[in-house]
Amino acid sequence: MSPSLRKNRSTYFIAILSAYIILQFLWWGYLLIIENPKKATMVIGEGSVFLLILIYGIRRYQISMNRELSLHQRQSNFLLSVTHELKTPISSVQLILQTIIKHQLEEEQIHAFLEKALDENKKSESLIQNMLYAASIENQRIELFRDEIDCQEFSKSLETQLKTSYHSISILMSCPSAFSFEADRFMLERVIIQLIDNSVKYNAANVHVSFREEGTELIIDVADDGIGINEADRPFIFDKFFRSGDENKREKPGTGLGLYIASQFIELHQGKINFSENVPRGSIFTIKLPK
């Protein structure tokens, strides 16, 4: 049975059961009033309070159940997407190696095939790393190692690293003033890389990463000109396994772990990460960290 069908059946069951309980409660209240009219005010008053508590409890149970079913559906989608995204690069690498073995190729062709195989291997490695990060976060086995980081050196170093990995977009990183801050360098790099990777998936041509000081806070804005995020999806984009868009019409790759890991890394720094719309087009992720 699909999660959506299970959710609908559960909703109908709760609605019918709730209606039965409430009607029975009203009926017994009516009988008490008929039997002893002098206590009508007391029965109505206490009965109203109990009825409100009952309705509130039923509603909270329904919300909790829908949340669990939604999480179950996301987990199912996650398993399907992981299976697909691991199978694709493995098949590609196998095909490349078979081609190299079976055919007499020029050295340049072999080099090009090996570059392609390396790119596919990096995709698998990134996916596995995200799964390990998520497991470490869930088990609270990930530690924060703060370093003194020079903003301008960090931005230039990361820009050079990113430009070798992302050839299809223009990446600009800027830190206009010279200042330093304390953070886990590895985690901060992973967060920014994840946000840029998210921009690439949603058709961005340009990404601007800017660093600035505001009092005792470090502010990092990651702005792109992609297609943005649907308004209905925005409250959930940092939830584990959540992927924007219709799961039945999935076109973009992903597992729903990237933004979750990014938000958890920022929380470990006692910071915050927020999303806003980039006018006229695109997304802006704003990170606030204590310096």
C-alpha atoms as a PDB file:
ATOM      1  CA  MET A   1       0.000   0.000   0.000  1.00  0.00           C
ATOM      2  CA  SER A   2       1.400   3.397  -0.954  1.00  0.00           C
ATOM      3  CA  PRO A   3       2.062   5.971   1.816  1.00  0.00           C
ATOM      4  CA  SER A   4      -0.457   8.416   0.296  1.00  0.00           C
ATOM      5  CA  LEU A   5      -3.230   5.775   0.267  1.00  0.00           C
ATOM      6  CA  ARG A   6      -2.323   4.754   3.821  1.00  0.00           C
ATOM      7  CA  LYS A   7      -2.483   8.411   4.859  1.00  0.00           C
ATOM      8  CA  ASN A   8      -5.943   8.869   3.304  1.00  0.00           C
ATOM      9  CA  ARG A   9      -7.305   5.738   4.964  1.00  0.00           C
ATOM     10  CA  SER A  10      -5.917   6.785   8.353  1.00  0.00           C
ATOM     11  CA  THR A  11      -7.443  10.250   7.953  1.00  0.00           C
ATOM     12  CA  TYR A  12     -10.869   8.801   7.173  1.00  0.00           C
ATOM     13  CA  PHE A  13     -10.642   6.390  10.111  1.00  0.00           C
ATOM     14  CA  ILE A  14      -9.736   9.164  12.568  1.00  0.00           C
ATOM     15  CA  ALA A  15     -12.507  11.406  11.202  1.00  0.00           C
ATOM     16  CA  ILE A  16     -15.150   8.682  11.624  1.00  0.00           C
ATOM     17  CA  LEU A  17     -13.908   7.673  15.098  1.00  0.00           C
ATOM     18  CA  SER A  18     -13.722  11.313  16.222  1.00  0.00           C
ATOM     19  CA  ALA A  19     -17.250  12.024  14.976  1.00  0.00           C
ATOM     20  CA  TYR A  20     -18.569   8.941  16.833  1.00  0.00           C
ATOM     21  CA  ILE A  21     -16.843   9.932  20.107  1.00  0.00           C
ATOM     22  CA  ILE A  22     -18.065  13.538  19.924  1.00  0.00           C
ATOM     23  CA  LEU A  23     -21.642  12.519  19.085  1.00  0.00           C
ATOM     24  CA  GLN A  24     -21.659  10.014  21.958  1.00  0.00           C
ATOM     25  CA  PHE A  25     -20.317  12.682  24.305  1.00  0.00           C
ATOM     26  CA  LEU A  26     -23.017  15.164  23.247  1.00  0.00           C
ATOM     27  CA  TRP A  27     -25.713  12.517  23.578  1.00  0.00           C
ATOM     28  CA  TRP A  28     -24.710  11.595  27.141  1.00  0.00           C
ATOM     29  CA  GLY A  29     -24.500  15.275  28.017  1.00  0.00           C
ATOM     30  CA  TYR A  30     -28.014  15.770  26.684  1.00  0.00           C
ATOM     31  CA  LEU A  31     -29.300  12.830  28.765  1.00  0.00           C
ATOM     32  CA  LEU A  32     -27.692  14.240  31.930  1.00  0.00           C
ATOM     33  CA  ILE A  33     -29.344  17.603  31.363  1.00  0.00           C
ATOM     34  CA  ILE A  34     -32.745  15.986  30.739  1.00  0.00           C
ATOM     35  CA  GLU A  35     -32.405  13.893  33.908  1.00  0.00           C
ATOM     36  CA  ASN A  36     -31.307  16.804  36.107  1.00  0.00           C
ATOM     37  CA  PRO A  37     -32.078  20.234  34.536  1.00  0.00           C
ATOM     38  CA  LYS A  38     -30.667  22.052  37.614  1.00  0.00           C
ATOM     39  CA  LYS A  39     -27.164  20.879  36.715  1.00  0.00           C
ATOM     40  CA  ALA A  40     -27.446  21.991  33.075  1.00  0.00           C
ATOM     41  CA  THR A  41     -25.032  24.927  33.544  1.00  0.00           C
ATOM     42  CA  MET A  42     -22.406  22.702  35.189  1.00  0.00           C
ATOM     43  CA  VAL A  43     -22.762  19.963  32.576  1.00  0.00           C
ATOM     44  CA  ILE A  44     -22.517  22.443  29.686  1.00  0.00           C
ATOM     45  CA  GLY A  45     -19.524  24.276  31.225  1.00  0.00           C
ATOM     46  CA  GLU A  46     -17.468  21.224  32.156  1.00  0.00           C
ATOM     47  CA  GLY A  47     -18.579  19.382  29.055  1.00  0.00           C
ATOM     48  CA  SER A  48     -17.439  22.261  26.814  1.00  0.00           C
ATOM     49  CA  VAL A  49     -13.971  22.281  28.401  1.00  0.00           C
ATOM     50  CA  PHE A  50     -13.663  18.503  28.061  1.00  0.00           C
ATOM     51  CA  LEU A  51     -14.911  18.667  24.462  1.00  0.00           C
ATOM     52  CA  LEU A  52     -12.309  21.308  23.543  1.00  0.00           C
ATOM     53  CA  ILE A  53      -9.538  19.220  25.144  1.00  0.00           C
ATOM     54  CA  LEU A  54     -10.782  16.148  23.285  1.00  0.00           C
ATOM     55  CA  ILE A  55     -10.849  17.949  19.924  1.00  0.00           C
ATOM     56  CA  TYR A  56      -7.383  19.401  20.580  1.00  0.00           C
ATOM     57  CA  GLY A  57      -6.016  15.942  21.442  1.00  0.00           C
ATOM     58  CA  ILE A  58      -7.524  14.383  18.322  1.00  0.00           C
ATOM     59  CA  ARG A  59      -6.075  17.165  16.179  1.00  0.00           C
ATOM     60  CA  ARG A  60      -2.599  16.802  17.710  1.00  0.00           C
ATOM     61  CA  TYR A  61      -2.717  13.045  17.159  1.00  0.00           C
ATOM     62  CA  GLN A  62      -3.726  13.547  13.518  1.00  0.00           C
ATOM     63  CA  ILE A  63      -0.877  16.032  12.944  1.00  0.00           C
ATOM     64  CA  SER A  64       1.627  13.644  14.570  1.00  0.00           C
ATOM     65  CA  MET A  65       0.387  10.701  12.509  1.00  0.00           C
ATOM     66  CA  ASN A  66       0.534  12.704   9.246  1.00  0.00           C
ATOM     67  CA  ARG A  67       4.062  13.787  10.117  1.00  0.00           C
ATOM     68  CA  GLU A  68       5.152  10.186  10.667  1.00  0.00           C
ATOM     69  CA  LEU A  69       3.561   9.048   7.403  1.00  0.00           C
ATOM     70  CA  SER A  70       5.193  11.959   5.567  1.00  0.00           C
ATOM     71  CA  LEU A  71       8.593  11.028   7.028  1.00  0.00           C
ATOM     72  CA  HIS A  72       8.033   7.402   6.003  1.00  0.00           C
ATOM     73  CA  GLN A  73       7.272   8.517   2.455  1.00  0.00           C
ATOM     74  CA  ARG A  74      10.404  10.696   2.367  1.00  0.00           C
ATOM     75  CA  GLN A  75      12.503   7.760   3.590  1.00  0.00           C
ATOM     76  CA  SER A  76      11.064   5.553   0.826  1.00  0.00           C
ATOM     77  CA  ASN A  77      11.860   8.238  -1.757  1.00  0.00           C
ATOM     78  CA  PHE A  78      15.354   8.558  -0.269  1.00  0.00           C
ATOM     79  CA  LEU A  79      16.049   4.841  -0.699  1.00  0.00           C
ATOM     80  CA  LEU A  80      14.845   4.952  -4.299  1.00  0.00           C
ATOM     81  CA  SER A  81      16.946   8.032  -5.115  1.00  0.00           C
ATOM     82  CA  VAL A  82      20.078   6.604  -3.430  1.00  0.00           C
ATOM     83  CA  THR A  83      19.694   3.355  -5.359  1.00  0.00           C
ATOM     84  CA  HIS A  84      19.347   5.267  -8.623  1.00  0.00           C
ATOM     85  CA  GLU A  85      22.160   7.738  -7.962  1.00  0.00           C
ATOM     86  CA  LEU A  86      24.602   5.019  -6.939  1.00  0.00           C
ATOM     87  CA  LYS A  87      23.662   2.727  -9.808  1.00  0.00           C
ATOM     88  CA  THR A  88      24.101   5.408 -12.484  1.00  0.00           C
ATOM     89  CA  PRO A  89      27.786   6.331 -11.817  1.00  0.00           C
ATOM     90  CA  ILE A  90      28.729   2.697 -11.177  1.00  0.00           C
ATOM     91  CA  SER A  91      27.232   1.684 -14.536  1.00  0.00           C
ATOM     92  CA  SER A  92      28.958   4.627 -16.249  1.00  0.00           C
ATOM     93  CA  VAL A  93      32.376   3.735 -14.816  1.00  0.00           C
ATOM     94  CA  GLN A  94      31.912   0.088 -15.791  1.00  0.00           C
ATOM     95  CA  LEU A  95      31.004   1.079 -19.357  1.00  0.00           C
ATOM     96  CA  ILE A  96      34.023   3.407 -19.589  1.00  0.00           C
ATOM     97  CA  LEU A  97      36.434   0.723 -18.367  1.00  0.00           C
ATOM     98  CA  GLN A  98      34.971  -1.847 -20.777  1.00  0.00           C
ATOM     99  CA  THR A  99      35.377   0.615 -23.642  1.00  0.00           C
ATOM    100  CA  ILE A 100      39.030   1.248 -22.765  1.00  0.00           C
ATOM    101  CA  ILE A 101      39.752  -2.498 -22.507  1.00  0.00           C
ATOM    102  CA  LYS A 102      37.973  -3.566 -25.709  1.00  0.00           C
ATOM    103  CA  HIS A 103      39.110  -0.811 -28.066  1.00  0.00           C
ATOM    104  CA  GLN A 104      42.420   0.553 -29.205  1.00  0.00           C
ATOM    105  CA  LEU A 105      42.107   4.202 -28.239  1.00  0.00           C
ATOM    106  CA  GLU A 106      44.336   7.218 -28.621  1.00  0.00           C
ATOM    107  CA  GLU A 107      46.022   8.511 -25.491  1.00  0.00           C
ATOM    108  CA  GLU A 108      43.850  11.632 -25.519  1.00  0.00           C
ATOM    109  CA  GLN A 109      40.694   9.527 -25.745  1.00  0.00           C
ATOM    110  CA  ILE A 110      41.807   7.355 -22.838  1.00  0.00           C
ATOM    111  CA  HIS A 111      42.536  10.473 -20.798  1.00  0.00           C
ATOM    112  CA  ALA A 112      39.084  11.887 -21.572  1.00  0.00           C
ATOM    113  CA  PHE A 113      37.407   8.607 -20.579  1.00  0.00           C
ATOM    114  CA  LEU A 114      39.367   8.452 -17.334  1.00  0.00           C
ATOM    115  CA  GLU A 115      38.403  12.068 -16.527  1.00  0.00           C
ATOM    116  CA  LYS A 116      34.769  11.098 -17.041  1.00  0.00           C
ATOM    117  CA  ALA A 117      35.168   8.037 -14.818  1.00  0.00           C
ATOM    118  CA  LEU A 118      36.771  10.207 -12.132  1.00  0.00           C
ATOM    119  CA  ASP A 119      33.828  12.648 -12.253  1.00  0.00           C
ATOM    120  CA  GLU A 120      31.367   9.772 -11.851  1.00  0.00           C
ATOM    121  CA  ASN A 121      33.389   8.413  -8.937  1.00  0.00           C
ATOM    122  CA  LYS A 122      33.282  11.834  -7.251  1.00  0.00           C
ATOM    123  CA  LYS A 123      29.470  11.808  -7.477  1.00  0.00           C
ATOM    124  CA  SER A 124      29.334   8.444  -5.690  1.00  0.00           C
ATOM    125  CA  GLU A 125      31.850   9.619  -3.101  1.00  0.00           C
ATOM    126  CA  SER A 126      29.839  12.791  -2.406  1.00  0.00           C
ATOM    127  CA  LEU A 127      26.632  10.787  -1.981  1.00  0.00           C
ATOM    128  CA  ILE A 128      28.265   8.320   0.424  1.00  0.00           C
ATOM    129  CA  GLN A 129      29.875  11.167   2.388  1.00  0.00           C
ATOM    130  CA  ASN A 130      26.489  12.859   2.823  1.00  0.00           C
ATOM    131  CA  MET A 131      25.004   9.630   4.134  1.00  0.00           C
ATOM    132  CA  LEU A 132      27.883   9.286   6.618  1.00  0.00           C
ATOM    133  CA  TYR A 133      27.510  12.928   7.727  1.00  0.00           C
ATOM    134  CA  ALA A 134      23.763  12.438   8.269  1.00  0.00           C
ATOM    135  CA  ALA A 135      24.389   9.286  10.323  1.00  0.00           C
ATOM    136  CA  SER A 136      27.044  11.062  12.428  1.00  0.00           C
ATOM    137  CA  ILE A 137      24.696  13.989  13.081  1.00  0.00           C
ATOM    138  CA  GLU A 138      21.855  11.636  14.007  1.00  0.00           C
ATOM    139  CA  ASN A 139      24.093   9.753  16.459  1.00  0.00           C
ATOM    140  CA  GLN A 140      25.683  12.973  17.772  1.00  0.00           C
ATOM    141  CA  ARG A 141      29.132  11.690  16.836  1.00  0.00           C
ATOM    142  CA  ILE A 142      30.347  14.726  14.940  1.00  0.00           C
ATOM    143  CA  GLU A 143      32.617  17.245  16.630  1.00  0.00           C
ATOM    144  CA  LEU A 144      33.348  20.905  15.987  1.00  0.00           C
ATOM    145  CA  PHE A 145      36.984  21.997  15.612  1.00  0.00           C
ATOM    146  CA  ARG A 146      37.257  25.778  15.568  1.00  0.00           C
ATOM    147  CA  ASP A 147      40.141  27.470  13.772  1.00  0.00           C
ATOM    148  CA  GLU A 148      41.111  31.106  13.360  1.00  0.00           C
ATOM    149  CA  ILE A 149      40.220  31.817   9.713  1.00  0.00           C
ATOM    150  CA  ASP A 150      41.237  34.819   7.659  1.00  0.00           C
ATOM    151  CA  CYS A 151      38.178  35.798   5.634  1.00  0.00           C
ATOM    152  CA  GLN A 152      39.959  36.973   2.475  1.00  0.00           C
ATOM    153  CA  GLU A 153      42.307  33.970   2.382  1.00  0.00           C
ATOM    154  CA  PHE A 154      39.405  31.573   2.967  1.00  0.00           C
ATOM    155  CA  SER A 155      37.220  33.094   0.236  1.00  0.00           C
ATOM    156  CA  LYS A 156      40.018  33.132  -2.361  1.00  0.00           C
ATOM    157  CA  SER A 157      41.110  29.566  -1.553  1.00  0.00           C
ATOM    158  CA  LEU A 158      37.543  28.252  -1.740  1.00  0.00           C
ATOM    159  CA  GLU A 159      36.852  30.157  -4.968  1.00  0.00           C
ATOM    160  CA  THR A 160      39.856  28.504  -6.634  1.00  0.00           C
ATOM    161  CA  GLN A 161      38.729  25.080  -5.402  1.00  0.00           C
ATOM    162  CA  LEU A 162      35.158  25.589  -6.614  1.00  0.00           C
ATOM    163  CA  LYS A 163      36.102  26.834 -10.074  1.00  0.00           C
ATOM    164  CA  THR A 164      37.954  23.584 -10.745  1.00  0.00           C
ATOM    165  CA  SER A 165      34.845  21.570  -9.802  1.00  0.00           C
ATOM    166  CA  TYR A 166      32.040  23.671 -11.303  1.00  0.00           C
ATOM    167  CA  HIS A 167      32.738  24.603 -14.914  1.00  0.00           C
ATOM    168  CA  SER A 168      29.167  25.335 -15.995  1.00  0.00           C
ATOM    169  CA  ILE A 169      28.539  28.352 -13.743  1.00  0.00           C
ATOM    170  CA  SER A 170      30.221  31.604 -12.798  1.00  0.00           C
ATOM    171  CA  ILE A 171      31.241  31.711  -9.122  1.00  0.00           C
ATOM    172  CA  LEU A 172      32.230  34.960  -7.421  1.00  0.00           C
ATOM    173  CA  MET A 173      33.363  35.090  -3.796  1.00  0.00           C
ATOM    174  CA  SER A 174      33.984  38.387  -2.060  1.00  0.00           C
ATOM    175  CA  CYS A 175      35.219  39.487   1.339  1.00  0.00           C
ATOM    176  CA  PRO A 176      35.587  43.281   0.983  1.00  0.00           C
ATOM    177  CA  SER A 177      37.207  43.953   4.363  1.00  0.00           C
ATOM    178  CA  ALA A 178      40.068  42.188   6.128  1.00  0.00           C
ATOM    179  CA  PHE A 179      38.880  40.377   9.239  1.00  0.00           C
ATOM    180  CA  SER A 180      39.113  36.937  10.838  1.00  0.00           C
ATOM    181  CA  PHE A 181      36.617  34.658  12.530  1.00  0.00           C
ATOM    182  CA  GLU A 182      36.509  31.333  14.368  1.00  0.00           C
ATOM    183  CA  ALA A 183      34.812  28.336  12.735  1.00  0.00           C
ATOM    184  CA  ASP A 184      35.288  24.741  11.709  1.00  0.00           C
ATOM    185  CA  ARG A 185      36.917  25.275   8.308  1.00  0.00           C
ATOM    186  CA  PHE A 186      35.930  21.888   6.911  1.00  0.00           C
ATOM    187  CA  MET A 187      32.270  22.227   7.927  1.00  0.00           C
ATOM    188  CA  LEU A 188      31.986  25.766   6.595  1.00  0.00           C
ATOM    189  CA  GLU A 189      33.489  24.701   3.271  1.00  0.00           C
ATOM    190  CA  ARG A 190      31.025  21.797   3.057  1.00  0.00           C
ATOM    191  CA  VAL A 191      28.084  24.111   3.743  1.00  0.00           C
ATOM    192  CA  ILE A 192      29.050  26.588   1.021  1.00  0.00           C
ATOM    193  CA  ILE A 193      29.824  23.793  -1.463  1.00  0.00           C
ATOM    194  CA  GLN A 194      26.440  22.223  -0.731  1.00  0.00           C
ATOM    195  CA  LEU A 195      24.621  25.532  -1.315  1.00  0.00           C
ATOM    196  CA  ILE A 196      26.447  26.031  -4.615  1.00  0.00           C
ATOM    197  CA  ASP A 197      25.694  22.451  -5.619  1.00  0.00           C
ATOM    198  CA  ASN A 198      22.043  23.187  -4.880  1.00  0.00           C
ATOM    199  CA  SER A 199      22.239  26.263  -7.147  1.00  0.00           C
ATOM    200  CA  VAL A 200      23.688  24.153  -9.971  1.00  0.00           C
ATOM    201  CA  LYS A 201      20.828  21.632  -9.680  1.00  0.00           C
ATOM    202  CA  TYR A 202      18.298  24.440 -10.060  1.00  0.00           C
ATOM    203  CA  ASN A 203      19.752  25.936 -13.219  1.00  0.00           C
ATOM    204  CA  ALA A 204      21.766  28.833 -11.824  1.00  0.00           C
ATOM    205  CA  ALA A 205      24.264  30.462 -14.181  1.00  0.00           C
ATOM    206  CA  ASN A 206      25.822  32.762 -11.575  1.00  0.00           C
ATOM    207  CA  VAL A 207      26.487  32.381  -7.856  1.00  0.00           C
ATOM    208  CA  HIS A 208      27.777  35.153  -5.603  1.00  0.00           C
ATOM    209  CA  VAL A 209      29.115  34.269  -2.140  1.00  0.00           C
ATOM    210  CA  SER A 210      29.755  37.329   0.031  1.00  0.00           C
ATOM    211  CA  PHE A 211      31.233  37.603   3.538  1.00  0.00           C
ATOM    212  CA  ARG A 212      30.718  40.552   5.881  1.00  0.00           C
ATOM    213  CA  GLU A 213      30.773  41.542   9.543  1.00  0.00           C
ATOM    214  CA  GLU A 214      27.753  42.749  11.478  1.00  0.00           C
ATOM    215  CA  GLY A 215      28.698  43.476  15.073  1.00  0.00           C
ATOM    216  CA  THR A 216      29.756  40.177  16.627  1.00  0.00           C
ATOM    217  CA  GLU A 217      28.351  38.100  13.763  1.00  0.00           C
ATOM    218  CA  LEU A 218      29.755  36.771  10.513  1.00  0.00           C
ATOM    219  CA  ILE A 219      27.197  36.991   7.684  1.00  0.00           C
ATOM    220  CA  ILE A 220      27.568  34.837   4.565  1.00  0.00           C
ATOM    221  CA  ASP A 221      25.142  35.307   1.666  1.00  0.00           C
ATOM    222  CA  VAL A 222      24.995  32.690  -1.105  1.00  0.00           C
ATOM    223  CA  ALA A 223      22.902  34.222  -3.911  1.00  0.00           C
ATOM    224  CA  ASP A 224      22.095  32.667  -7.282  1.00  0.00           C
ATOM    225  CA  ASP A 225      19.942  33.336 -10.346  1.00  0.00           C
ATOM    226  CA  GLY A 226      18.371  29.868 -10.629  1.00  0.00           C
ATOM    227  CA  ILE A 227      14.696  28.946 -10.737  1.00  0.00           C
ATOM    228  CA  GLY A 228      14.306  29.370  -6.979  1.00  0.00           C
ATOM    229  CA  ILE A 229      12.220  27.299  -4.564  1.00  0.00           C
ATOM    230  CA  ASN A 230       8.438  26.952  -4.547  1.00  0.00           C
ATOM    231  CA  GLU A 231       6.829  29.009  -1.796  1.00  0.00           C
ATOM    232  CA  ALA A 232       4.949  25.960  -0.469  1.00  0.00           C
ATOM    233  CA  ASP A 233       8.237  24.036  -0.060  1.00  0.00           C
ATOM    234  CA  ARG A 234      10.243  26.744   1.712  1.00  0.00           C
ATOM    235  CA  PRO A 235       9.295  25.855   5.319  1.00  0.00           C
ATOM    236  CA  PHE A 236      10.579  22.283   4.796  1.00  0.00           C
ATOM    237  CA  ILE A 237      13.785  22.671   2.767  1.00  0.00           C
ATOM    238  CA  PHE A 238      16.065  22.000   5.781  1.00  0.00           C
ATOM    239  CA  ASP A 239      14.159  18.858   6.837  1.00  0.00           C
ATOM    240  CA  LYS A 240      15.874  15.522   6.436  1.00  0.00           C
ATOM    241  CA  PHE A 241      14.959  13.674   3.198  1.00  0.00           C
ATOM    242  CA  PHE A 242      12.860  16.601   1.922  1.00  0.00           C
ATOM    243  CA  ARG A 243      13.176  17.401  -1.784  1.00  0.00           C
ATOM    244  CA  SER A 244      11.439  20.316  -3.443  1.00  0.00           C
ATOM    245  CA  GLY A 245       8.922  19.557  -6.178  1.00  0.00           C
ATOM    246  CA  ASP A 246       6.598  16.703  -7.059  1.00  0.00           C
ATOM    247  CA  GLU A 247       8.087  13.277  -6.264  1.00  0.00           C
ATOM    248  CA  ASN A 248       6.035  11.736  -9.086  1.00  0.00           C
ATOM    249  CA  LYS A 249       7.662  14.089 -11.614  1.00  0.00           C
ATOM    250  CA  ARG A 250      11.192  14.115 -10.233  1.00  0.00           C
ATOM    251  CA  GLU A 251      13.657  15.647 -12.683  1.00  0.00           C
ATOM    252  CA  LYS A 252      16.483  16.870 -10.449  1.00  0.00           C
ATOM    253  CA  PRO A 253      18.941  14.499  -8.745  1.00  0.00           C
ATOM    254  CA  GLY A 254      19.311  14.531  -4.995  1.00  0.00           C
ATOM    255  CA  THR A 255      18.607  12.656  -1.775  1.00  0.00           C
ATOM    256  CA  GLY A 256      17.159  15.361   0.458  1.00  0.00           C
ATOM    257  CA  LEU A 257      20.216  15.325   2.735  1.00  0.00           C
ATOM    258  CA  GLY A 258      22.292  18.256   1.465  1.00  0.00           C
ATOM    259  CA  LEU A 259      20.445  21.214   2.987  1.00  0.00           C
ATOM    260  CA  TYR A 260      19.688  19.184   6.124  1.00  0.00           C
ATOM    261  CA  ILE A 261      23.419  18.569   6.667  1.00  0.00           C
ATOM    262  CA  ALA A 262      24.223  22.218   5.933  1.00  0.00           C
ATOM    263  CA  SER A 263      21.685  23.426   8.505  1.00  0.00           C
ATOM    264  CA  GLN A 264      22.981  20.968  11.126  1.00  0.00           C
ATOM    265  CA  PHE A 265      26.592  22.067  10.573  1.00  0.00           C
ATOM    266  CA  ILE A 266      25.527  25.674  11.088  1.00  0.00           C
ATOM    267  CA  GLU A 267      23.575  24.765  14.231  1.00  0.00           C
ATOM    268  CA  LEU A 268      26.718  23.117  15.621  1.00  0.00           C
ATOM    269  CA  HIS A 269      28.333  26.563  15.297  1.00  0.00           C
ATOM    270  CA  GLN A 270      25.351  28.007  17.241  1.00  0.00           C
ATOM    271  CA  GLY A 271      24.446  29.892  14.100  1.00  0.00           C
ATOM    272  CA  LYS A 272      21.428  30.155  11.790  1.00  0.00           C
ATOM    273  CA  ILE A 273      20.749  29.611   8.100  1.00  0.00           C
ATOM    274  CA  ASN A 274      17.751  31.135   6.333  1.00  0.00           C
ATOM    275  CA  PHE A 275      16.305  31.207   2.840  1.00  0.00           C
ATOM    276  CA  SER A 276      14.924  34.236   1.001  1.00  0.00           C
ATOM    277  CA  GLU A 277      13.885  34.942  -2.555  1.00  0.00           C
ATOM    278  CA  ASN A 278      16.408  36.649  -4.822  1.00  0.00           C
ATOM    279  CA  VAL A 279      14.612  39.338  -6.824  1.00  0.00           C
ATOM    280  CA  PRO A 280      13.918  39.107  -9.715  1.00  0.00           C
ATOM    281  CA  ARG A 281      15.020  35.456  -9.921  1.00  0.00           C
ATOM    282  CA  GLY A 282      16.814  32.899  -7.798  1.00  0.00           C
ATOM    283  CA  SER A 283      17.557  32.136  -4.161  1.00  0.00           C
ATOM    284  CA  ILE A 284      19.556  33.630  -1.305  1.00  0.00           C
ATOM    285  CA  PHE A 285      20.781  31.520   1.611  1.00  0.00           C
ATOM    286  CA  THR A 286      21.970  33.662   4.526  1.00  0.00           C
ATOM    287  CA  ILE A 287      24.256  32.173   7.165  1.00  0.00           C
ATOM    288  CA  LYS A 288      24.782  33.946  10.498  1.00  0.00           C
ATOM    289  CA  LEU A 289      27.619  32.740  12.720  1.00  0.00           C
ATOM    290  CA  PRO A 290      29.021  34.140  15.977  1.00  0.00           C
ATOM    291  CA  LYS A 291      32.509  35.420  15.139  1.00  0.00           C
END
